[in-house]
Amino acid sequence: RLQQKPDDSIWDGERQLLTWLLYIGGAFAPVGPVRSGFIRLLHCDHTFELPELYTSWHGLVDVLKQFIWSEKVYESQVRAFWEEVMGLDHGDSTGVSCQNV
């Protein structure tokens, strides 16, 4: 269900939960197609819905703290993943393409 298009009504009213799922899942996914899939979903499908999450680490953390969150356990991996996603907006190459989404 995470891979459904963002206009799918299943996520109506649950955008913050979807954000938590995508960032936690992506941060702990192994490098490769699964992690790239999370990046693709965030970058290609969800940036228009939650643009503040792509410019503010603190804005993202505020959303993540609404669910299960531990700075000690999650912060370093989630921040690294967020920076990886942010790199796409700044022209860095992670091998992720939005063409096949």
PDB file of N, CA and C in Angstrom:
ATOM      1  N   ARG A   1       0.806  -1.202   0.000  1.00  0.00           N
ATOM      2  CA  ARG A   1       0.000   0.000   0.000  1.00  0.00           C
ATOM      3  C   ARG A   1       0.848   1.266   0.000  1.00  0.00           C
ATOM      4  N   LEU A   2       2.067   1.207   0.527  1.00  0.00           N
ATOM      5  CA  LEU A   2       2.917   2.390   0.526  1.00  0.00           C
ATOM      6  C   LEU A   2       3.224   2.850  -0.886  1.00  0.00           C
ATOM      7  N   GLN A   3       3.220   1.916  -1.834  1.00  0.00           N
ATOM      8  CA  GLN A   3       3.592   2.266  -3.195  1.00  0.00           C
ATOM      9  C   GLN A   3       2.429   2.790  -4.019  1.00  0.00           C
ATOM     10  N   GLN A   4       1.247   2.883  -3.425  1.00  0.00           N
ATOM     11  CA  GLN A   4       0.120   3.434  -4.149  1.00  0.00           C
ATOM     12  C   GLN A   4       0.330   4.923  -4.367  1.00  0.00           C
ATOM     13  N   LYS A   5      -0.239   5.423  -5.420  1.00  0.00           N
ATOM     14  CA  LYS A   5      -0.104   6.841  -5.743  1.00  0.00           C
ATOM     15  C   LYS A   5      -0.624   7.691  -4.590  1.00  0.00           C
ATOM     16  N   PRO A   6      -0.016   8.853  -4.366  1.00  0.00           N
ATOM     17  CA  PRO A   6      -0.381   9.685  -3.220  1.00  0.00           C
ATOM     18  C   PRO A   6      -1.815  10.191  -3.236  1.00  0.00           C
ATOM     19  N   ASP A   7      -2.474  10.202  -4.388  1.00  0.00           N
ATOM     20  CA  ASP A   7      -3.853  10.658  -4.419  1.00  0.00           C
ATOM     21  C   ASP A   7      -4.813   9.546  -4.029  1.00  0.00           C
ATOM     22  N   ASP A   8      -4.293   8.371  -3.707  1.00  0.00           N
ATOM     23  CA  ASP A   8      -5.116   7.270  -3.253  1.00  0.00           C
ATOM     24  C   ASP A   8      -5.748   7.646  -1.916  1.00  0.00           C
ATOM     25  N   SER A   9      -7.032   7.450  -1.808  1.00  0.00           N
ATOM     26  CA  SER A   9      -7.766   7.892  -0.618  1.00  0.00           C
ATOM     27  C   SER A   9      -7.351   7.176   0.663  1.00  0.00           C
ATOM     28  N   ILE A  10      -6.614   6.084   0.577  1.00  0.00           N
ATOM     29  CA  ILE A  10      -6.191   5.382   1.794  1.00  0.00           C
ATOM     30  C   ILE A  10      -5.346   6.279   2.699  1.00  0.00           C
ATOM     31  N   TRP A  11      -4.626   7.243   2.119  1.00  0.00           N
ATOM     32  CA  TRP A  11      -3.754   8.102   2.910  1.00  0.00           C
ATOM     33  C   TRP A  11      -4.390   9.450   3.255  1.00  0.00           C
ATOM     34  N   ASP A  12      -5.624   9.673   2.836  1.00  0.00           N
ATOM     35  CA  ASP A  12      -6.298  10.922   3.185  1.00  0.00           C
ATOM     36  C   ASP A  12      -6.354  11.065   4.697  1.00  0.00           C
ATOM     37  N   GLY A  13      -5.891  12.177   5.187  1.00  0.00           N
ATOM     38  CA  GLY A  13      -5.894  12.426   6.620  1.00  0.00           C
ATOM     39  C   GLY A  13      -4.789  11.710   7.378  1.00  0.00           C
ATOM     40  N   GLU A  14      -3.951  10.971   6.658  1.00  0.00           N
ATOM     41  CA  GLU A  14      -2.884  10.197   7.300  1.00  0.00           C
ATOM     42  C   GLU A  14      -1.515  10.527   6.714  1.00  0.00           C
ATOM     43  N   ARG A  15      -1.344  11.727   6.180  1.00  0.00           N
ATOM     44  CA  ARG A  15      -0.088  12.099   5.522  1.00  0.00           C
ATOM     45  C   ARG A  15       1.095  12.064   6.483  1.00  0.00           C
ATOM     46  N   GLN A  16       0.864  12.439   7.730  1.00  0.00           N
ATOM     47  CA  GLN A  16       1.972  12.435   8.683  1.00  0.00           C
ATOM     48  C   GLN A  16       2.394  11.007   9.020  1.00  0.00           C
ATOM     49  N   LEU A  17       1.434  10.101   9.129  1.00  0.00           N
ATOM     50  CA  LEU A  17       1.776   8.693   9.351  1.00  0.00           C
ATOM     51  C   LEU A  17       2.534   8.143   8.145  1.00  0.00           C
ATOM     52  N   LEU A  18       2.085   8.489   6.957  1.00  0.00           N
ATOM     53  CA  LEU A  18       2.781   8.051   5.747  1.00  0.00           C
ATOM     54  C   LEU A  18       4.215   8.572   5.737  1.00  0.00           C
ATOM     55  N   THR A  19       4.400   9.819   6.134  1.00  0.00           N
ATOM     56  CA  THR A  19       5.739  10.398   6.214  1.00  0.00           C
ATOM     57  C   THR A  19       6.604   9.600   7.174  1.00  0.00           C
ATOM     58  N   TRP A  20       6.077   9.267   8.346  1.00  0.00           N
ATOM     59  CA  TRP A  20       6.826   8.488   9.338  1.00  0.00           C
ATOM     60  C   TRP A  20       7.208   7.129   8.753  1.00  0.00           C
ATOM     61  N   LEU A  21       6.247   6.461   8.130  1.00  0.00           N
ATOM     62  CA  LEU A  21       6.507   5.139   7.549  1.00  0.00           C
ATOM     63  C   LEU A  21       7.599   5.185   6.487  1.00  0.00           C
ATOM     64  N   LEU A  22       7.534   6.185   5.619  1.00  0.00           N
ATOM     65  CA  LEU A  22       8.509   6.267   4.538  1.00  0.00           C
ATOM     66  C   LEU A  22       9.907   6.605   5.044  1.00  0.00           C
ATOM     67  N   TYR A  23      10.004   7.512   6.008  1.00  0.00           N
ATOM     68  CA  TYR A  23      11.334   7.883   6.513  1.00  0.00           C
ATOM     69  C   TYR A  23      11.937   6.802   7.397  1.00  0.00           C
ATOM     70  N   ILE A  24      11.160   6.199   8.271  1.00  0.00           N
ATOM     71  CA  ILE A  24      11.699   5.138   9.121  1.00  0.00           C
ATOM     72  C   ILE A  24      12.031   3.913   8.269  1.00  0.00           C
ATOM     73  N   GLY A  25      11.129   3.551   7.382  1.00  0.00           N
ATOM     74  CA  GLY A  25      11.382   2.409   6.497  1.00  0.00           C
ATOM     75  C   GLY A  25      12.600   2.629   5.625  1.00  0.00           C
ATOM     76  N   GLY A  26      12.703   3.802   5.039  1.00  0.00           N
ATOM     77  CA  GLY A  26      13.836   4.104   4.173  1.00  0.00           C
ATOM     78  C   GLY A  26      15.152   4.163   4.918  1.00  0.00           C
ATOM     79  N   ALA A  27      15.128   4.727   6.115  1.00  0.00           N
ATOM     80  CA  ALA A  27      16.359   4.873   6.895  1.00  0.00           C
ATOM     81  C   ALA A  27      16.958   3.532   7.285  1.00  0.00           C
ATOM     82  N   PHE A  28      16.112   2.549   7.496  1.00  0.00           N
ATOM     83  CA  PHE A  28      16.600   1.254   7.952  1.00  0.00           C
ATOM     84  C   PHE A  28      16.602   0.195   6.857  1.00  0.00           C
ATOM     85  N   ALA A  29      16.251   0.586   5.640  1.00  0.00           N
ATOM     86  CA  ALA A  29      16.304  -0.338   4.507  1.00  0.00           C
ATOM     87  C   ALA A  29      17.750  -0.489   4.044  1.00  0.00           C
ATOM     88  N   PRO A  30      18.114  -1.684   3.607  1.00  0.00           N
ATOM     89  CA  PRO A  30      19.475  -1.857   3.090  1.00  0.00           C
ATOM     90  C   PRO A  30      19.651  -1.084   1.784  1.00  0.00           C
ATOM     91  N   VAL A  31      20.885  -0.669   1.540  1.00  0.00           N
ATOM     92  CA  VAL A  31      21.194   0.017   0.288  1.00  0.00           C
ATOM     93  C   VAL A  31      20.867  -0.921  -0.862  1.00  0.00           C
ATOM     94  N   GLY A  32      20.215  -0.401  -1.848  1.00  0.00           N
ATOM     95  CA  GLY A  32      19.808  -1.207  -2.992  1.00  0.00           C
ATOM     96  C   GLY A  32      18.406  -0.836  -3.425  1.00  0.00           C
ATOM     97  N   PRO A  33      17.717  -1.759  -4.089  1.00  0.00           N
ATOM     98  CA  PRO A  33      16.416  -1.425  -4.677  1.00  0.00           C
ATOM     99  C   PRO A  33      15.331  -1.057  -3.658  1.00  0.00           C
ATOM    100  N   VAL A  34      15.369  -1.641  -2.476  1.00  0.00           N
ATOM    101  CA  VAL A  34      14.341  -1.321  -1.482  1.00  0.00           C
ATOM    102  C   VAL A  34      14.516   0.116  -0.995  1.00  0.00           C
ATOM    103  N   ARG A  35      15.740   0.463  -0.629  1.00  0.00           N
ATOM    104  CA  ARG A  35      16.006   1.830  -0.163  1.00  0.00           C
ATOM    105  C   ARG A  35      15.724   2.842  -1.277  1.00  0.00           C
ATOM    106  N   SER A  36      16.149   2.527  -2.476  1.00  0.00           N
ATOM    107  CA  SER A  36      15.887   3.405  -3.614  1.00  0.00           C
ATOM    108  C   SER A  36      14.385   3.577  -3.840  1.00  0.00           C
ATOM    109  N   GLY A  37      13.624   2.531  -3.572  1.00  0.00           N
ATOM    110  CA  GLY A  37      12.166   2.613  -3.690  1.00  0.00           C
ATOM    111  C   GLY A  37      11.571   3.612  -2.711  1.00  0.00           C
ATOM    112  N   PHE A  38      12.068   3.610  -1.478  1.00  0.00           N
ATOM    113  CA  PHE A  38      11.607   4.589  -0.494  1.00  0.00           C
ATOM    114  C   PHE A  38      11.966   6.001  -0.938  1.00  0.00           C
ATOM    115  N   ILE A  39      13.180   6.181  -1.425  1.00  0.00           N
ATOM    116  CA  ILE A  39      13.611   7.497  -1.892  1.00  0.00           C
ATOM    117  C   ILE A  39      12.733   7.945  -3.051  1.00  0.00           C
ATOM    118  N   ARG A  40      12.471   7.043  -3.960  1.00  0.00           N
ATOM    119  CA  ARG A  40      11.637   7.369  -5.117  1.00  0.00           C
ATOM    120  C   ARG A  40      10.244   7.793  -4.667  1.00  0.00           C
ATOM    121  N   LEU A  41       9.662   7.061  -3.726  1.00  0.00           N
ATOM    122  CA  LEU A  41       8.329   7.417  -3.233  1.00  0.00           C
ATOM    123  C   LEU A  41       8.325   8.802  -2.592  1.00  0.00           C
ATOM    124  N   LEU A  42       9.332   9.077  -1.784  1.00  0.00           N
ATOM    125  CA  LEU A  42       9.406  10.384  -1.127  1.00  0.00           C
ATOM    126  C   LEU A  42       9.653  11.504  -2.126  1.00  0.00           C
ATOM    127  N   HIS A  43      10.601  11.304  -2.991  1.00  0.00           N
ATOM    128  CA  HIS A  43      11.006  12.370  -3.905  1.00  0.00           C
ATOM    129  C   HIS A  43      10.002  12.583  -5.033  1.00  0.00           C
ATOM    130  N   CYS A  44       9.543  11.518  -5.614  1.00  0.00           N
ATOM    131  CA  CYS A  44       8.735  11.625  -6.820  1.00  0.00           C
ATOM    132  C   CYS A  44       7.244  11.760  -6.543  1.00  0.00           C
ATOM    133  N   ASP A  45       6.757  11.089  -5.511  1.00  0.00           N
ATOM    134  CA  ASP A  45       5.321  11.060  -5.276  1.00  0.00           C
ATOM    135  C   ASP A  45       4.850  11.998  -4.179  1.00  0.00           C
ATOM    136  N   HIS A  46       5.698  12.302  -3.213  1.00  0.00           N
ATOM    137  CA  HIS A  46       5.197  12.962  -2.014  1.00  0.00           C
ATOM    138  C   HIS A  46       5.743  14.362  -1.767  1.00  0.00           C
ATOM    139  N   THR A  47       6.652  14.850  -2.582  1.00  0.00           N
ATOM    140  CA  THR A  47       7.218  16.170  -2.314  1.00  0.00           C
ATOM    141  C   THR A  47       6.174  17.270  -2.415  1.00  0.00           C
ATOM    142  N   PHE A  48       5.221  17.122  -3.316  1.00  0.00           N
ATOM    143  CA  PHE A  48       4.234  18.178  -3.479  1.00  0.00           C
ATOM    144  C   PHE A  48       3.290  18.253  -2.291  1.00  0.00           C
ATOM    145  N   GLU A  49       3.126  17.178  -1.561  1.00  0.00           N
ATOM    146  CA  GLU A  49       2.210  17.155  -0.420  1.00  0.00           C
ATOM    147  C   GLU A  49       2.843  17.719   0.838  1.00  0.00           C
ATOM    148  N   LEU A  50       4.126  17.510   1.015  1.00  0.00           N
ATOM    149  CA  LEU A  50       4.800  17.862   2.254  1.00  0.00           C
ATOM    150  C   LEU A  50       6.089  18.628   1.960  1.00  0.00           C
ATOM    151  N   PRO A  51       6.001  19.742   1.249  1.00  0.00           N
ATOM    152  CA  PRO A  51       7.230  20.425   0.831  1.00  0.00           C
ATOM    153  C   PRO A  51       8.094  20.902   1.988  1.00  0.00           C
ATOM    154  N   GLU A  52       7.498  21.222   3.137  1.00  0.00           N
ATOM    155  CA  GLU A  52       8.296  21.693   4.270  1.00  0.00           C
ATOM    156  C   GLU A  52       9.260  20.626   4.774  1.00  0.00           C
ATOM    157  N   LEU A  53       8.969  19.378   4.517  1.00  0.00           N
ATOM    158  CA  LEU A  53       9.845  18.305   4.975  1.00  0.00           C
ATOM    159  C   LEU A  53      11.108  18.210   4.139  1.00  0.00           C
ATOM    160  N   TYR A  54      11.141  18.905   3.032  1.00  0.00           N
ATOM    161  CA  TYR A  54      12.304  18.844   2.166  1.00  0.00           C
ATOM    162  C   TYR A  54      13.211  20.052   2.350  1.00  0.00           C
ATOM    163  N   THR A  55      12.814  20.944   3.243  1.00  0.00           N
ATOM    164  CA  THR A  55      13.654  22.108   3.492  1.00  0.00           C
ATOM    165  C   THR A  55      14.026  22.242   4.956  1.00  0.00           C
ATOM    166  N   SER A  56      13.383  21.483   5.827  1.00  0.00           N
ATOM    167  CA  SER A  56      13.603  21.640   7.254  1.00  0.00           C
ATOM    168  C   SER A  56      13.705  20.291   7.964  1.00  0.00           C
ATOM    169  N   TRP A  57      14.895  20.004   8.488  1.00  0.00           N
ATOM    170  CA  TRP A  57      15.075  18.795   9.292  1.00  0.00           C
ATOM    171  C   TRP A  57      14.179  18.872  10.532  1.00  0.00           C
ATOM    172  N   HIS A  58      14.110  20.039  11.145  1.00  0.00           N
ATOM    173  CA  HIS A  58      13.316  20.189  12.365  1.00  0.00           C
ATOM    174  C   HIS A  58      11.826  19.993  12.089  1.00  0.00           C
ATOM    175  N   GLY A  59      11.354  20.416  10.928  1.00  0.00           N
ATOM    176  CA  GLY A  59       9.962  20.188  10.540  1.00  0.00           C
ATOM    177  C   GLY A  59       9.659  18.709  10.413  1.00  0.00           C
ATOM    178  N   LEU A  60      10.591  17.980   9.820  1.00  0.00           N
ATOM    179  CA  LEU A  60      10.414  16.534   9.702  1.00  0.00           C
ATOM    180  C   LEU A  60      10.406  15.879  11.077  1.00  0.00           C
ATOM    181  N   VAL A  61      11.335  16.255  11.934  1.00  0.00           N
ATOM    182  CA  VAL A  61      11.404  15.661  13.272  1.00  0.00           C
ATOM    183  C   VAL A  61      10.116  15.929  14.048  1.00  0.00           C
ATOM    184  N   ASP A  62       9.548  17.108  13.891  1.00  0.00           N
ATOM    185  CA  ASP A  62       8.280  17.406  14.559  1.00  0.00           C
ATOM    186  C   ASP A  62       7.188  16.417  14.143  1.00  0.00           C
ATOM    187  N   VAL A  63       7.171  16.043  12.870  1.00  0.00           N
ATOM    188  CA  VAL A  63       6.205  15.047  12.391  1.00  0.00           C
ATOM    189  C   VAL A  63       6.556  13.669  12.956  1.00  0.00           C
ATOM    190  N   LEU A  64       7.815  13.294  12.886  1.00  0.00           N
ATOM    191  CA  LEU A  64       8.225  11.961  13.342  1.00  0.00           C
ATOM    192  C   LEU A  64       7.959  11.755  14.826  1.00  0.00           C
ATOM    193  N   LYS A  65       8.091  12.806  15.616  1.00  0.00           N
ATOM    194  CA  LYS A  65       7.880  12.714  17.064  1.00  0.00           C
ATOM    195  C   LYS A  65       6.420  12.450  17.430  1.00  0.00           C
ATOM    196  N   GLN A  66       5.517  12.596  16.495  1.00  0.00           N
ATOM    197  CA  GLN A  66       4.109  12.307  16.754  1.00  0.00           C
ATOM    198  C   GLN A  66       3.859  10.806  16.834  1.00  0.00           C
ATOM    199  N   PHE A  67       4.834  10.040  16.396  1.00  0.00           N
ATOM    200  CA  PHE A  67       4.721   8.584  16.389  1.00  0.00           C
ATOM    201  C   PHE A  67       5.880   8.023  17.215  1.00  0.00           C
ATOM    202  N   ILE A  68       6.263   6.823  16.996  1.00  0.00           N
ATOM    203  CA  ILE A  68       7.377   6.246  17.746  1.00  0.00           C
ATOM    204  C   ILE A  68       8.660   6.929  17.301  1.00  0.00           C
ATOM    205  N   TRP A  69       9.362   7.552  18.248  1.00  0.00           N
ATOM    206  CA  TRP A  69      10.580   8.285  17.920  1.00  0.00           C
ATOM    207  C   TRP A  69      11.513   8.289  19.119  1.00  0.00           C
ATOM    208  N   SER A  70      12.756   7.965  18.877  1.00  0.00           N
ATOM    209  CA  SER A  70      13.807   8.056  19.879  1.00  0.00           C
ATOM    210  C   SER A  70      15.026   8.659  19.189  1.00  0.00           C
ATOM    211  N   GLU A  71      15.454   9.823  19.681  1.00  0.00           N
ATOM    212  CA  GLU A  71      16.624  10.451  19.066  1.00  0.00           C
ATOM    213  C   GLU A  71      17.824   9.524  19.108  1.00  0.00           C
ATOM    214  N   LYS A  72      17.991   8.857  20.211  1.00  0.00           N
ATOM    215  CA  LYS A  72      19.146   7.968  20.377  1.00  0.00           C
ATOM    216  C   LYS A  72      19.122   6.821  19.368  1.00  0.00           C
ATOM    217  N   VAL A  73      17.949   6.286  19.115  1.00  0.00           N
ATOM    218  CA  VAL A  73      17.841   5.116  18.239  1.00  0.00           C
ATOM    219  C   VAL A  73      17.732   5.504  16.767  1.00  0.00           C
ATOM    220  N   TYR A  74      16.954   6.538  16.466  1.00  0.00           N
ATOM    221  CA  TYR A  74      16.611   6.823  15.078  1.00  0.00           C
ATOM    222  C   TYR A  74      17.352   7.982  14.420  1.00  0.00           C
ATOM    223  N   GLU A  75      17.726   8.992  15.193  1.00  0.00           N
ATOM    224  CA  GLU A  75      18.126  10.261  14.589  1.00  0.00           C
ATOM    225  C   GLU A  75      19.254  10.151  13.562  1.00  0.00           C
ATOM    226  N   SER A  76      20.331   9.465  13.879  1.00  0.00           N
ATOM    227  CA  SER A  76      21.468   9.473  12.939  1.00  0.00           C
ATOM    228  C   SER A  76      21.106   8.805  11.616  1.00  0.00           C
ATOM    229  N   GLN A  77      20.378   7.687  11.666  1.00  0.00           N
ATOM    230  CA  GLN A  77      20.039   7.004  10.420  1.00  0.00           C
ATOM    231  C   GLN A  77      18.977   7.748   9.627  1.00  0.00           C
ATOM    232  N   VAL A  78      17.987   8.287  10.321  1.00  0.00           N
ATOM    233  CA  VAL A  78      16.925   9.008   9.620  1.00  0.00           C
ATOM    234  C   VAL A  78      17.470  10.309   9.036  1.00  0.00           C
ATOM    235  N   ARG A  79      18.339  10.979   9.779  1.00  0.00           N
ATOM    236  CA  ARG A  79      18.914  12.225   9.237  1.00  0.00           C
ATOM    237  C   ARG A  79      19.760  11.927   8.003  1.00  0.00           C
ATOM    238  N   ALA A  80      20.549  10.880   8.034  1.00  0.00           N
ATOM    239  CA  ALA A  80      21.356  10.509   6.863  1.00  0.00           C
ATOM    240  C   ALA A  80      20.453  10.192   5.670  1.00  0.00           C
ATOM    241  N   PHE A  81      19.355   9.506   5.928  1.00  0.00           N
ATOM    242  CA  PHE A  81      18.411   9.188   4.862  1.00  0.00           C
ATOM    243  C   PHE A  81      17.749  10.459   4.334  1.00  0.00           C
ATOM    244  N   TRP A  82      17.352  11.350   5.229  1.00  0.00           N
ATOM    245  CA  TRP A  82      16.752  12.631   4.825  1.00  0.00           C
ATOM    246  C   TRP A  82      17.726  13.418   3.949  1.00  0.00           C
ATOM    247  N   GLU A  83      19.002  13.436   4.342  1.00  0.00           N
ATOM    248  CA  GLU A  83      20.011  14.136   3.544  1.00  0.00           C
ATOM    249  C   GLU A  83      20.180  13.474   2.180  1.00  0.00           C
ATOM    250  N   GLU A  84      20.049  12.164   2.144  1.00  0.00           N
ATOM    251  CA  GLU A  84      20.120  11.440   0.866  1.00  0.00           C
ATOM    252  C   GLU A  84      18.956  11.857  -0.036  1.00  0.00           C
ATOM    253  N   VAL A  85      17.765  11.933   0.522  1.00  0.00           N
ATOM    254  CA  VAL A  85      16.595  12.377  -0.234  1.00  0.00           C
ATOM    255  C   VAL A  85      16.774  13.838  -0.644  1.00  0.00           C
ATOM    256  N   MET A  86      17.250  14.665   0.257  1.00  0.00           N
ATOM    257  CA  MET A  86      17.491  16.080  -0.040  1.00  0.00           C
ATOM    258  C   MET A  86      18.503  16.244  -1.164  1.00  0.00           C
ATOM    259  N   GLY A  87      19.469  15.346  -1.252  1.00  0.00           N
ATOM    260  CA  GLY A  87      20.484  15.411  -2.292  1.00  0.00           C
ATOM    261  C   GLY A  87      19.891  15.386  -3.682  1.00  0.00           C
ATOM    262  N   LEU A  88      18.768  14.718  -3.855  1.00  0.00           N
ATOM    263  CA  LEU A  88      18.105  14.682  -5.155  1.00  0.00           C
ATOM    264  C   LEU A  88      17.643  16.071  -5.556  1.00  0.00           C
ATOM    265  N   ASP A  89      17.191  16.856  -4.597  1.00  0.00           N
ATOM    266  CA  ASP A  89      16.731  18.205  -4.900  1.00  0.00           C
ATOM    267  C   ASP A  89      17.881  19.140  -5.228  1.00  0.00           C
ATOM    268  N   HIS A  90      19.082  18.752  -4.867  1.00  0.00           N
ATOM    269  CA  HIS A  90      20.250  19.595  -5.114  1.00  0.00           C
ATOM    270  C   HIS A  90      21.147  19.032  -6.218  1.00  0.00           C
ATOM    271  N   GLY A  91      20.604  18.084  -6.988  1.00  0.00           N
ATOM    272  CA  GLY A  91      21.312  17.598  -8.151  1.00  0.00           C
ATOM    273  C   GLY A  91      22.288  16.461  -7.891  1.00  0.00           C
ATOM    274  N   ASP A  92      22.339  15.939  -6.659  1.00  0.00           N
ATOM    275  CA  ASP A  92      23.215  14.804  -6.392  1.00  0.00           C
ATOM    276  C   ASP A  92      22.635  13.565  -7.050  1.00  0.00           C
ATOM    277  N   SER A  93      23.470  12.666  -7.437  1.00  0.00           N
ATOM    278  CA  SER A  93      23.017  11.440  -8.081  1.00  0.00           C
ATOM    279  C   SER A  93      23.007  10.292  -7.092  1.00  0.00           C
ATOM    280  N   THR A  94      21.832   9.716  -6.897  1.00  0.00           N
ATOM    281  CA  THR A  94      21.720   8.531  -6.043  1.00  0.00           C
ATOM    282  C   THR A  94      21.257   7.334  -6.847  1.00  0.00           C
ATOM    283  N   GLY A  95      21.133   7.512  -8.154  1.00  0.00           N
ATOM    284  CA  GLY A  95      20.688   6.419  -8.992  1.00  0.00           C
ATOM    285  C   GLY A  95      19.180   6.254  -8.974  1.00  0.00           C
ATOM    286  N   VAL A  96      18.442   7.209  -8.435  1.00  0.00           N
ATOM    287  CA  VAL A  96      17.000   7.137  -8.359  1.00  0.00           C
ATOM    288  C   VAL A  96      16.403   7.978  -9.473  1.00  0.00           C
ATOM    289  N   SER A  97      15.480   7.402 -10.196  1.00  0.00           N
ATOM    290  CA  SER A  97      14.806   8.110 -11.280  1.00  0.00           C
ATOM    291  C   SER A  97      13.310   8.099 -11.035  1.00  0.00           C
ATOM    292  N   CYS A  98      12.664   9.197 -11.320  1.00  0.00           N
ATOM    293  CA  CYS A  98      11.218   9.291 -11.148  1.00  0.00           C
ATOM    294  C   CYS A  98      10.462   8.801 -12.376  1.00  0.00           C
ATOM    295  N   GLN A  99      11.148   8.414 -13.392  1.00  0.00           N
ATOM    296  CA  GLN A  99      10.489   8.055 -14.641  1.00  0.00           C
ATOM    297  C   GLN A  99       9.635   6.799 -14.533  1.00  0.00           C
ATOM    298  N   ASN A 100      10.014   5.863 -13.681  1.00  0.00           N
ATOM    299  CA  ASN A 100       9.283   4.596 -13.601  1.00  0.00           C
ATOM    300  C   ASN A 100       8.356   4.517 -12.417  1.00  0.00           C
ATOM    301  N   VAL A 101       7.969   5.646 -11.873  1.00  0.00           N
ATOM    302  CA  VAL A 101       7.091   5.646 -10.711  1.00  0.00           C
ATOM    303  C   VAL A 101       5.664   5.624 -11.166  1.00  0.00           C
TER     304      VAL A 101
END
